[in-house]
Amino acid sequence: MNPQGSSGSSSSEMRAMPLQAVAVMQQGAVVDLDARLALLAARISLERKLPMADSVILATARAYGATVWTQDADFKDLPGVQFRKHTP
């Protein structure tokens, strides 16, 4: 932080951040949680001892050939996951 208490980002940079986030989100897709995904998630949850919500995320990523990027330790060392330890 600088002496004024900010991280050094200008106000115009700060205003641009939400627009950048929206642009990135528009590159994604919203998919339905259908029976096929639900059953795959249930199987992953049982096999990996993952919470069901995490299993839904992983099942969806696998079904669509996506990589899960996370700092959630529940996903550590799972195939198809890029885990990064949170550093404050």
PDB file of N, CA and C in Angstrom:
ATOM      1  N   MET A   1       0.836  -1.187   0.000  1.00  0.00           N
ATOM      2  CA  MET A   1       0.000   0.000   0.000  1.00  0.00           C
ATOM      3  C   MET A   1       0.873   1.240   0.000  1.00  0.00           C
ATOM      4  N   ASN A   2       0.366   2.270  -0.615  1.00  0.00           N
ATOM      5  CA  ASN A   2       1.096   3.525  -0.603  1.00  0.00           C
ATOM      6  C   ASN A   2       0.679   4.351   0.605  1.00  0.00           C
ATOM      7  N   PRO A   3       1.324   5.473   0.870  1.00  0.00           N
ATOM      8  CA  PRO A   3       1.013   6.257   2.074  1.00  0.00           C
ATOM      9  C   PRO A   3      -0.437   6.723   2.151  1.00  0.00           C
ATOM     10  N   GLN A   4      -1.126   6.826   1.023  1.00  0.00           N
ATOM     11  CA  GLN A   4      -2.524   7.255   1.053  1.00  0.00           C
ATOM     12  C   GLN A   4      -3.473   6.100   1.393  1.00  0.00           C
ATOM     13  N   GLY A   5      -2.934   4.903   1.553  1.00  0.00           N
ATOM     14  CA  GLY A   5      -3.744   3.764   1.961  1.00  0.00           C
ATOM     15  C   GLY A   5      -4.323   2.971   0.801  1.00  0.00           C
ATOM     16  N   SER A   6      -3.952   3.285  -0.430  1.00  0.00           N
ATOM     17  CA  SER A   6      -4.463   2.514  -1.559  1.00  0.00           C
ATOM     18  C   SER A   6      -3.374   1.588  -2.072  1.00  0.00           C
ATOM     19  N   SER A   7      -3.747   0.687  -2.931  1.00  0.00           N
ATOM     20  CA  SER A   7      -2.790  -0.279  -3.446  1.00  0.00           C
ATOM     21  C   SER A   7      -2.035   0.249  -4.646  1.00  0.00           C
ATOM     22  N   GLY A   8      -2.275   1.503  -5.019  1.00  0.00           N
ATOM     23  CA  GLY A   8      -1.569   2.083  -6.139  1.00  0.00           C
ATOM     24  C   GLY A   8      -2.380   2.087  -7.417  1.00  0.00           C
ATOM     25  N   SER A   9      -3.546   1.461  -7.449  1.00  0.00           N
ATOM     26  CA  SER A   9      -4.381   1.445  -8.635  1.00  0.00           C
ATOM     27  C   SER A   9      -5.086   2.780  -8.776  1.00  0.00           C
ATOM     28  N   SER A  10      -5.142   3.263 -10.004  1.00  0.00           N
ATOM     29  CA  SER A  10      -5.839   4.516 -10.238  1.00  0.00           C
ATOM     30  C   SER A  10      -7.345   4.278 -10.225  1.00  0.00           C
ATOM     31  N   SER A  11      -8.099   5.361 -10.064  1.00  0.00           N
ATOM     32  CA  SER A  11      -9.555   5.220 -10.030  1.00  0.00           C
ATOM     33  C   SER A  11     -10.080   4.732 -11.370  1.00  0.00           C
ATOM     34  N   SER A  12      -9.444   5.099 -12.477  1.00  0.00           N
ATOM     35  CA  SER A  12      -9.913   4.610 -13.777  1.00  0.00           C
ATOM     36  C   SER A  12      -9.661   3.107 -13.911  1.00  0.00           C
ATOM     37  N   GLU A  13      -8.538   2.619 -13.352  1.00  0.00           N
ATOM     38  CA  GLU A  13      -8.275   1.178 -13.359  1.00  0.00           C
ATOM     39  C   GLU A  13      -9.313   0.446 -12.517  1.00  0.00           C
ATOM     40  N   MET A  14      -9.669   1.024 -11.387  1.00  0.00           N
ATOM     41  CA  MET A  14     -10.667   0.411 -10.506  1.00  0.00           C
ATOM     42  C   MET A  14     -12.037   0.354 -11.184  1.00  0.00           C
ATOM     43  N   ARG A  15     -12.394   1.388 -11.930  1.00  0.00           N
ATOM     44  CA  ARG A  15     -13.690   1.393 -12.620  1.00  0.00           C
ATOM     45  C   ARG A  15     -13.707   0.385 -13.757  1.00  0.00           C
ATOM     46  N   ALA A  16     -12.565   0.098 -14.351  1.00  0.00           N
ATOM     47  CA  ALA A  16     -12.502  -0.834 -15.474  1.00  0.00           C
ATOM     48  C   ALA A  16     -12.616  -2.285 -15.024  1.00  0.00           C
ATOM     49  N   MET A  17     -12.289  -2.583 -13.775  1.00  0.00           N
ATOM     50  CA  MET A  17     -12.278  -3.972 -13.297  1.00  0.00           C
ATOM     51  C   MET A  17     -13.631  -4.668 -13.433  1.00  0.00           C
ATOM     52  N   PRO A  18     -14.748  -4.041 -13.032  1.00  0.00           N
ATOM     53  CA  PRO A  18     -16.031  -4.731 -13.208  1.00  0.00           C
ATOM     54  C   PRO A  18     -16.351  -5.009 -14.675  1.00  0.00           C
ATOM     55  N   LEU A  19     -15.980  -4.104 -15.567  1.00  0.00           N
ATOM     56  CA  LEU A  19     -16.217  -4.322 -16.990  1.00  0.00           C
ATOM     57  C   LEU A  19     -15.397  -5.496 -17.506  1.00  0.00           C
ATOM     58  N   GLN A  20     -14.166  -5.613 -17.032  1.00  0.00           N
ATOM     59  CA  GLN A  20     -13.329  -6.743 -17.423  1.00  0.00           C
ATOM     60  C   GLN A  20     -13.919  -8.048 -16.910  1.00  0.00           C
ATOM     61  N   ALA A  21     -14.438  -8.032 -15.692  1.00  0.00           N
ATOM     62  CA  ALA A  21     -15.045  -9.235 -15.117  1.00  0.00           C
ATOM     63  C   ALA A  21     -16.259  -9.666 -15.939  1.00  0.00           C
ATOM     64  N   VAL A  22     -17.084  -8.717 -16.335  1.00  0.00           N
ATOM     65  CA  VAL A  22     -18.259  -9.033 -17.150  1.00  0.00           C
ATOM     66  C   VAL A  22     -17.831  -9.605 -18.494  1.00  0.00           C
ATOM     67  N   ALA A  23     -16.812  -9.028 -19.099  1.00  0.00           N
ATOM     68  CA  ALA A  23     -16.325  -9.529 -20.392  1.00  0.00           C
ATOM     69  C   ALA A  23     -15.854 -10.973 -20.278  1.00  0.00           C
ATOM     70  N   VAL A  24     -15.152 -11.307 -19.200  1.00  0.00           N
ATOM     71  CA  VAL A  24     -14.685 -12.675 -19.005  1.00  0.00           C
ATOM     72  C   VAL A  24     -15.871 -13.613 -18.775  1.00  0.00           C
ATOM     73  N   MET A  25     -16.840 -13.198 -17.967  1.00  0.00           N
ATOM     74  CA  MET A  25     -17.999 -14.054 -17.682  1.00  0.00           C
ATOM     75  C   MET A  25     -18.815 -14.326 -18.940  1.00  0.00           C
ATOM     76  N   GLN A  26     -18.853 -13.393 -19.876  1.00  0.00           N
ATOM     77  CA  GLN A  26     -19.618 -13.598 -21.100  1.00  0.00           C
ATOM     78  C   GLN A  26     -18.992 -14.644 -22.005  1.00  0.00           C
ATOM     79  N   GLN A  27     -17.762 -15.022 -21.733  1.00  0.00           N
ATOM     80  CA  GLN A  27     -17.109 -16.073 -22.513  1.00  0.00           C
ATOM     81  C   GLN A  27     -17.558 -17.463 -22.062  1.00  0.00           C
ATOM     82  N   GLY A  28     -18.183 -17.538 -20.905  1.00  0.00           N
ATOM     83  CA  GLY A  28     -18.623 -18.818 -20.359  1.00  0.00           C
ATOM     84  C   GLY A  28     -20.018 -19.188 -20.825  1.00  0.00           C
ATOM     85  N   ALA A  29     -20.511 -20.275 -20.300  1.00  0.00           N
ATOM     86  CA  ALA A  29     -21.847 -20.751 -20.635  1.00  0.00           C
ATOM     87  C   ALA A  29     -22.538 -21.229 -19.369  1.00  0.00           C
ATOM     88  N   VAL A  30     -23.826 -21.030 -19.317  1.00  0.00           N
ATOM     89  CA  VAL A  30     -24.636 -21.558 -18.226  1.00  0.00           C
ATOM     90  C   VAL A  30     -25.241 -22.867 -18.719  1.00  0.00           C
ATOM     91  N   VAL A  31     -25.061 -23.927 -17.933  1.00  0.00           N
ATOM     92  CA  VAL A  31     -25.580 -25.233 -18.343  1.00  0.00           C
ATOM     93  C   VAL A  31     -26.588 -25.726 -17.318  1.00  0.00           C
ATOM     94  N   ASP A  32     -27.523 -26.524 -17.789  1.00  0.00           N
ATOM     95  CA  ASP A  32     -28.529 -27.108 -16.903  1.00  0.00           C
ATOM     96  C   ASP A  32     -27.930 -28.260 -16.109  1.00  0.00           C
ATOM     97  N   LEU A  33     -28.357 -28.386 -14.875  1.00  0.00           N
ATOM     98  CA  LEU A  33     -27.992 -29.544 -14.067  1.00  0.00           C
ATOM     99  C   LEU A  33     -29.029 -30.622 -14.363  1.00  0.00           C
ATOM    100  N   ASP A  34     -28.743 -31.409 -15.382  1.00  0.00           N
ATOM    101  CA  ASP A  34     -29.683 -32.447 -15.791  1.00  0.00           C
ATOM    102  C   ASP A  34     -29.387 -33.750 -15.036  1.00  0.00           C
ATOM    103  N   ALA A  35     -30.179 -34.766 -15.318  1.00  0.00           N
ATOM    104  CA  ALA A  35     -30.038 -36.042 -14.611  1.00  0.00           C
ATOM    105  C   ALA A  35     -28.662 -36.656 -14.833  1.00  0.00           C
ATOM    106  N   ARG A  36     -28.132 -36.537 -16.048  1.00  0.00           N
ATOM    107  CA  ARG A  36     -26.816 -37.103 -16.360  1.00  0.00           C
ATOM    108  C   ARG A  36     -25.734 -36.465 -15.486  1.00  0.00           C
ATOM    109  N   LEU A  37     -25.744 -35.138 -15.389  1.00  0.00           N
ATOM    110  CA  LEU A  37     -24.759 -34.456 -14.553  1.00  0.00           C
ATOM    111  C   LEU A  37     -24.974 -34.758 -13.073  1.00  0.00           C
ATOM    112  N   ALA A  38     -26.222 -34.819 -12.651  1.00  0.00           N
ATOM    113  CA  ALA A  38     -26.518 -35.102 -11.243  1.00  0.00           C
ATOM    114  C   ALA A  38     -26.010 -36.484 -10.837  1.00  0.00           C
ATOM    115  N   LEU A  39     -26.202 -37.464 -11.696  1.00  0.00           N
ATOM    116  CA  LEU A  39     -25.729 -38.820 -11.390  1.00  0.00           C
ATOM    117  C   LEU A  39     -24.209 -38.883 -11.390  1.00  0.00           C
ATOM    118  N   LEU A  40     -23.573 -38.197 -12.337  1.00  0.00           N
ATOM    119  CA  LEU A  40     -22.116 -38.147 -12.351  1.00  0.00           C
ATOM    120  C   LEU A  40     -21.597 -37.462 -11.089  1.00  0.00           C
ATOM    121  N   ALA A  41     -22.239 -36.381 -10.689  1.00  0.00           N
ATOM    122  CA  ALA A  41     -21.841 -35.670  -9.468  1.00  0.00           C
ATOM    123  C   ALA A  41     -22.002 -36.559  -8.232  1.00  0.00           C
ATOM    124  N   ALA A  42     -23.099 -37.303  -8.176  1.00  0.00           N
ATOM    125  CA  ALA A  42     -23.328 -38.199  -7.036  1.00  0.00           C
ATOM    126  C   ALA A  42     -22.236 -39.261  -6.962  1.00  0.00           C
ATOM    127  N   ARG A  43     -21.854 -39.797  -8.114  1.00  0.00           N
ATOM    128  CA  ARG A  43     -20.800 -40.812  -8.146  1.00  0.00           C
ATOM    129  C   ARG A  43     -19.467 -40.214  -7.684  1.00  0.00           C
ATOM    130  N   ILE A  44     -19.144 -39.022  -8.168  1.00  0.00           N
ATOM    131  CA  ILE A  44     -17.902 -38.360  -7.757  1.00  0.00           C
ATOM    132  C   ILE A  44     -17.923 -38.076  -6.259  1.00  0.00           C
ATOM    133  N   SER A  45     -19.060 -37.634  -5.755  1.00  0.00           N
ATOM    134  CA  SER A  45     -19.194 -37.326  -4.328  1.00  0.00           C
ATOM    135  C   SER A  45     -18.925 -38.565  -3.476  1.00  0.00           C
ATOM    136  N   LEU A  46     -19.487 -39.685  -3.880  1.00  0.00           N
ATOM    137  CA  LEU A  46     -19.288 -40.930  -3.133  1.00  0.00           C
ATOM    138  C   LEU A  46     -17.847 -41.430  -3.243  1.00  0.00           C
ATOM    139  N   GLU A  47     -17.310 -41.429  -4.457  1.00  0.00           N
ATOM    140  CA  GLU A  47     -15.975 -41.968  -4.682  1.00  0.00           C
ATOM    141  C   GLU A  47     -14.876 -41.117  -4.058  1.00  0.00           C
ATOM    142  N   ARG A  48     -15.034 -39.796  -4.144  1.00  0.00           N
ATOM    143  CA  ARG A  48     -13.984 -38.875  -3.696  1.00  0.00           C
ATOM    144  C   ARG A  48     -14.256 -38.276  -2.321  1.00  0.00           C
ATOM    145  N   LYS A  49     -15.405 -38.612  -1.748  1.00  0.00           N
ATOM    146  CA  LYS A  49     -15.787 -38.053  -0.442  1.00  0.00           C
ATOM    147  C   LYS A  49     -15.827 -36.517  -0.490  1.00  0.00           C
ATOM    148  N   LEU A  50     -16.331 -35.994  -1.607  1.00  0.00           N
ATOM    149  CA  LEU A  50     -16.453 -34.546  -1.799  1.00  0.00           C
ATOM    150  C   LEU A  50     -17.853 -34.089  -1.417  1.00  0.00           C
ATOM    151  N   PRO A  51     -17.981 -32.870  -0.932  1.00  0.00           N
ATOM    152  CA  PRO A  51     -19.317 -32.310  -0.742  1.00  0.00           C
ATOM    153  C   PRO A  51     -20.049 -32.287  -2.091  1.00  0.00           C
ATOM    154  N   MET A  52     -21.364 -32.433  -2.067  1.00  0.00           N
ATOM    155  CA  MET A  52     -22.137 -32.532  -3.306  1.00  0.00           C
ATOM    156  C   MET A  52     -21.964 -31.297  -4.192  1.00  0.00           C
ATOM    157  N   ALA A  53     -21.923 -30.116  -3.607  1.00  0.00           N
ATOM    158  CA  ALA A  53     -21.770 -28.905  -4.423  1.00  0.00           C
ATOM    159  C   ALA A  53     -20.440 -28.941  -5.188  1.00  0.00           C
ATOM    160  N   ASP A  54     -19.374 -29.358  -4.531  1.00  0.00           N
ATOM    161  CA  ASP A  54     -18.082 -29.473  -5.199  1.00  0.00           C
ATOM    162  C   ASP A  54     -18.145 -30.529  -6.301  1.00  0.00           C
ATOM    163  N   SER A  55     -18.862 -31.600  -6.039  1.00  0.00           N
ATOM    164  CA  SER A  55     -18.994 -32.670  -7.024  1.00  0.00           C
ATOM    165  C   SER A  55     -19.750 -32.210  -8.260  1.00  0.00           C
ATOM    166  N   VAL A  56     -20.736 -31.363  -8.069  1.00  0.00           N
ATOM    167  CA  VAL A  56     -21.478 -30.813  -9.214  1.00  0.00           C
ATOM    168  C   VAL A  56     -20.542 -29.963 -10.075  1.00  0.00           C
ATOM    169  N   ILE A  57     -19.723 -29.163  -9.434  1.00  0.00           N
ATOM    170  CA  ILE A  57     -18.756 -28.338 -10.170  1.00  0.00           C
ATOM    171  C   ILE A  57     -17.803 -29.227 -10.960  1.00  0.00           C
ATOM    172  N   LEU A  58     -17.248 -30.228 -10.318  1.00  0.00           N
ATOM    173  CA  LEU A  58     -16.285 -31.107 -10.974  1.00  0.00           C
ATOM    174  C   LEU A  58     -16.940 -31.921 -12.085  1.00  0.00           C
ATOM    175  N   ALA A  59     -18.124 -32.444 -11.840  1.00  0.00           N
ATOM    176  CA  ALA A  59     -18.836 -33.224 -12.858  1.00  0.00           C
ATOM    177  C   ALA A  59     -19.137 -32.371 -14.086  1.00  0.00           C
ATOM    178  N   THR A  60     -19.558 -31.149 -13.860  1.00  0.00           N
ATOM    179  CA  THR A  60     -19.870 -30.252 -14.975  1.00  0.00           C
ATOM    180  C   THR A  60     -18.616 -29.946 -15.776  1.00  0.00           C
ATOM    181  N   ALA A  61     -17.530 -29.653 -15.095  1.00  0.00           N
ATOM    182  CA  ALA A  61     -16.274 -29.380 -15.793  1.00  0.00           C
ATOM    183  C   ALA A  61     -15.842 -30.586 -16.617  1.00  0.00           C
ATOM    184  N   ARG A  62     -15.924 -31.756 -16.051  1.00  0.00           N
ATOM    185  CA  ARG A  62     -15.515 -32.957 -16.774  1.00  0.00           C
ATOM    186  C   ARG A  62     -16.410 -33.209 -17.979  1.00  0.00           C
ATOM    187  N   ALA A  63     -17.708 -33.023 -17.817  1.00  0.00           N
ATOM    188  CA  ALA A  63     -18.647 -33.264 -18.910  1.00  0.00           C
ATOM    189  C   ALA A  63     -18.418 -32.317 -20.083  1.00  0.00           C
ATOM    190  N   TYR A  64     -17.910 -31.123 -19.796  1.00  0.00           N
ATOM    191  CA  TYR A  64     -17.705 -30.125 -20.843  1.00  0.00           C
ATOM    192  C   TYR A  64     -16.229 -29.906 -21.187  1.00  0.00           C
ATOM    193  N   GLY A  65     -15.370 -30.781 -20.680  1.00  0.00           N
ATOM    194  CA  GLY A  65     -13.959 -30.702 -21.023  1.00  0.00           C
ATOM    195  C   GLY A  65     -13.265 -29.457 -20.496  1.00  0.00           C
ATOM    196  N   ALA A  66     -13.723 -28.969 -19.360  1.00  0.00           N
ATOM    197  CA  ALA A  66     -13.161 -27.752 -18.775  1.00  0.00           C
ATOM    198  C   ALA A  66     -12.240 -28.099 -17.607  1.00  0.00           C
ATOM    199  N   THR A  67     -11.390 -27.166 -17.272  1.00  0.00           N
ATOM    200  CA  THR A  67     -10.516 -27.287 -16.110  1.00  0.00           C
ATOM    201  C   THR A  67     -11.097 -26.453 -14.978  1.00  0.00           C
ATOM    202  N   VAL A  68     -11.117 -26.998 -13.784  1.00  0.00           N
ATOM    203  CA  VAL A  68     -11.543 -26.249 -12.599  1.00  0.00           C
ATOM    204  C   VAL A  68     -10.314 -25.548 -12.029  1.00  0.00           C
ATOM    205  N   TRP A  69     -10.386 -24.224 -11.913  1.00  0.00           N
ATOM    206  CA  TRP A  69      -9.339 -23.431 -11.262  1.00  0.00           C
ATOM    207  C   TRP A  69      -9.878 -23.012  -9.915  1.00  0.00           C
ATOM    208  N   THR A  70      -9.161 -23.347  -8.845  1.00  0.00           N
ATOM    209  CA  THR A  70      -9.711 -23.097  -7.516  1.00  0.00           C
ATOM    210  C   THR A  70      -8.621 -22.930  -6.466  1.00  0.00           C
ATOM    211  N   GLN A  71      -9.034 -22.338  -5.362  1.00  0.00           N
ATOM    212  CA  GLN A  71      -8.211 -22.286  -4.155  1.00  0.00           C
ATOM    213  C   GLN A  71      -8.851 -23.131  -3.055  1.00  0.00           C
ATOM    214  N   ASP A  72      -9.878 -23.877  -3.399  1.00  0.00           N
ATOM    215  CA  ASP A  72     -10.596 -24.732  -2.458  1.00  0.00           C
ATOM    216  C   ASP A  72      -9.819 -26.034  -2.273  1.00  0.00           C
ATOM    217  N   ALA A  73      -9.341 -26.271  -1.064  1.00  0.00           N
ATOM    218  CA  ALA A  73      -8.509 -27.441  -0.782  1.00  0.00           C
ATOM    219  C   ALA A  73      -9.241 -28.766  -1.007  1.00  0.00           C
ATOM    220  N   ASP A  74     -10.572 -28.766  -1.039  1.00  0.00           N
ATOM    221  CA  ASP A  74     -11.316 -29.995  -1.329  1.00  0.00           C
ATOM    222  C   ASP A  74     -10.946 -30.558  -2.702  1.00  0.00           C
ATOM    223  N   PHE A  75     -10.518 -29.687  -3.606  1.00  0.00           N
ATOM    224  CA  PHE A  75     -10.207 -30.095  -4.975  1.00  0.00           C
ATOM    225  C   PHE A  75      -8.744 -30.469  -5.185  1.00  0.00           C
ATOM    226  N   LYS A  76      -7.916 -30.271  -4.167  1.00  0.00           N
ATOM    227  CA  LYS A  76      -6.475 -30.486  -4.311  1.00  0.00           C
ATOM    228  C   LYS A  76      -6.175 -31.906  -4.791  1.00  0.00           C
ATOM    229  N   ASP A  77      -5.302 -32.007  -5.774  1.00  0.00           N
ATOM    230  CA  ASP A  77      -4.815 -33.283  -6.335  1.00  0.00           C
ATOM    231  C   ASP A  77      -5.851 -34.066  -7.137  1.00  0.00           C
ATOM    232  N   LEU A  78      -6.965 -33.447  -7.513  1.00  0.00           N
ATOM    233  CA  LEU A  78      -7.950 -34.137  -8.341  1.00  0.00           C
ATOM    234  C   LEU A  78      -7.631 -33.921  -9.816  1.00  0.00           C
ATOM    235  N   PRO A  79      -7.843 -34.938 -10.658  1.00  0.00           N
ATOM    236  CA  PRO A  79      -7.621 -34.768 -12.092  1.00  0.00           C
ATOM    237  C   PRO A  79      -8.572 -33.702 -12.657  1.00  0.00           C
ATOM    238  N   GLY A  80      -8.050 -32.898 -13.563  1.00  0.00           N
ATOM    239  CA  GLY A  80      -8.869 -31.865 -14.187  1.00  0.00           C
ATOM    240  C   GLY A  80      -9.001 -30.604 -13.362  1.00  0.00           C
ATOM    241  N   VAL A  81      -8.172 -30.497 -12.312  1.00  0.00           N
ATOM    242  CA  VAL A  81      -8.245 -29.349 -11.406  1.00  0.00           C
ATOM    243  C   VAL A  81      -6.877 -28.679 -11.329  1.00  0.00           C
ATOM    244  N   GLN A  82      -6.892 -27.367 -11.379  1.00  0.00           N
ATOM    245  CA  GLN A  82      -5.696 -26.569 -11.122  1.00  0.00           C
ATOM    246  C   GLN A  82      -5.903 -25.901  -9.767  1.00  0.00           C
ATOM    247  N   PHE A  83      -5.241 -26.426  -8.762  1.00  0.00           N
ATOM    248  CA  PHE A  83      -5.375 -25.903  -7.402  1.00  0.00           C
ATOM    249  C   PHE A  83      -4.233 -24.952  -7.117  1.00  0.00           C
ATOM    250  N   ARG A  84      -4.562 -23.802  -6.587  1.00  0.00           N
ATOM    251  CA  ARG A  84      -3.566 -22.824  -6.151  1.00  0.00           C
ATOM    252  C   ARG A  84      -3.848 -22.466  -4.705  1.00  0.00           C
ATOM    253  N   LYS A  85      -2.856 -22.666  -3.855  1.00  0.00           N
ATOM    254  CA  LYS A  85      -3.021 -22.328  -2.442  1.00  0.00           C
ATOM    255  C   LYS A  85      -3.240 -20.838  -2.299  1.00  0.00           C
ATOM    256  N   HIS A  86      -4.201 -20.480  -1.463  1.00  0.00           N
ATOM    257  CA  HIS A  86      -4.500 -19.063  -1.209  1.00  0.00           C
ATOM    258  C   HIS A  86      -3.363 -18.444  -0.426  1.00  0.00           C
ATOM    259  N   THR A  87      -2.872 -17.329  -0.926  1.00  0.00           N
ATOM    260  CA  THR A  87      -1.853 -16.578  -0.198  1.00  0.00           C
ATOM    261  C   THR A  87      -2.351 -15.161   0.018  1.00  0.00           C
ATOM    262  N   PRO A  88      -2.577 -14.815   1.281  1.00  0.00           N
ATOM    263  CA  PRO A  88      -3.119 -13.476   1.569  1.00  0.00           C
ATOM    264  C   PRO A  88      -2.163 -12.362   1.237  1.00  0.00           C
TER     265      PRO A  88
END
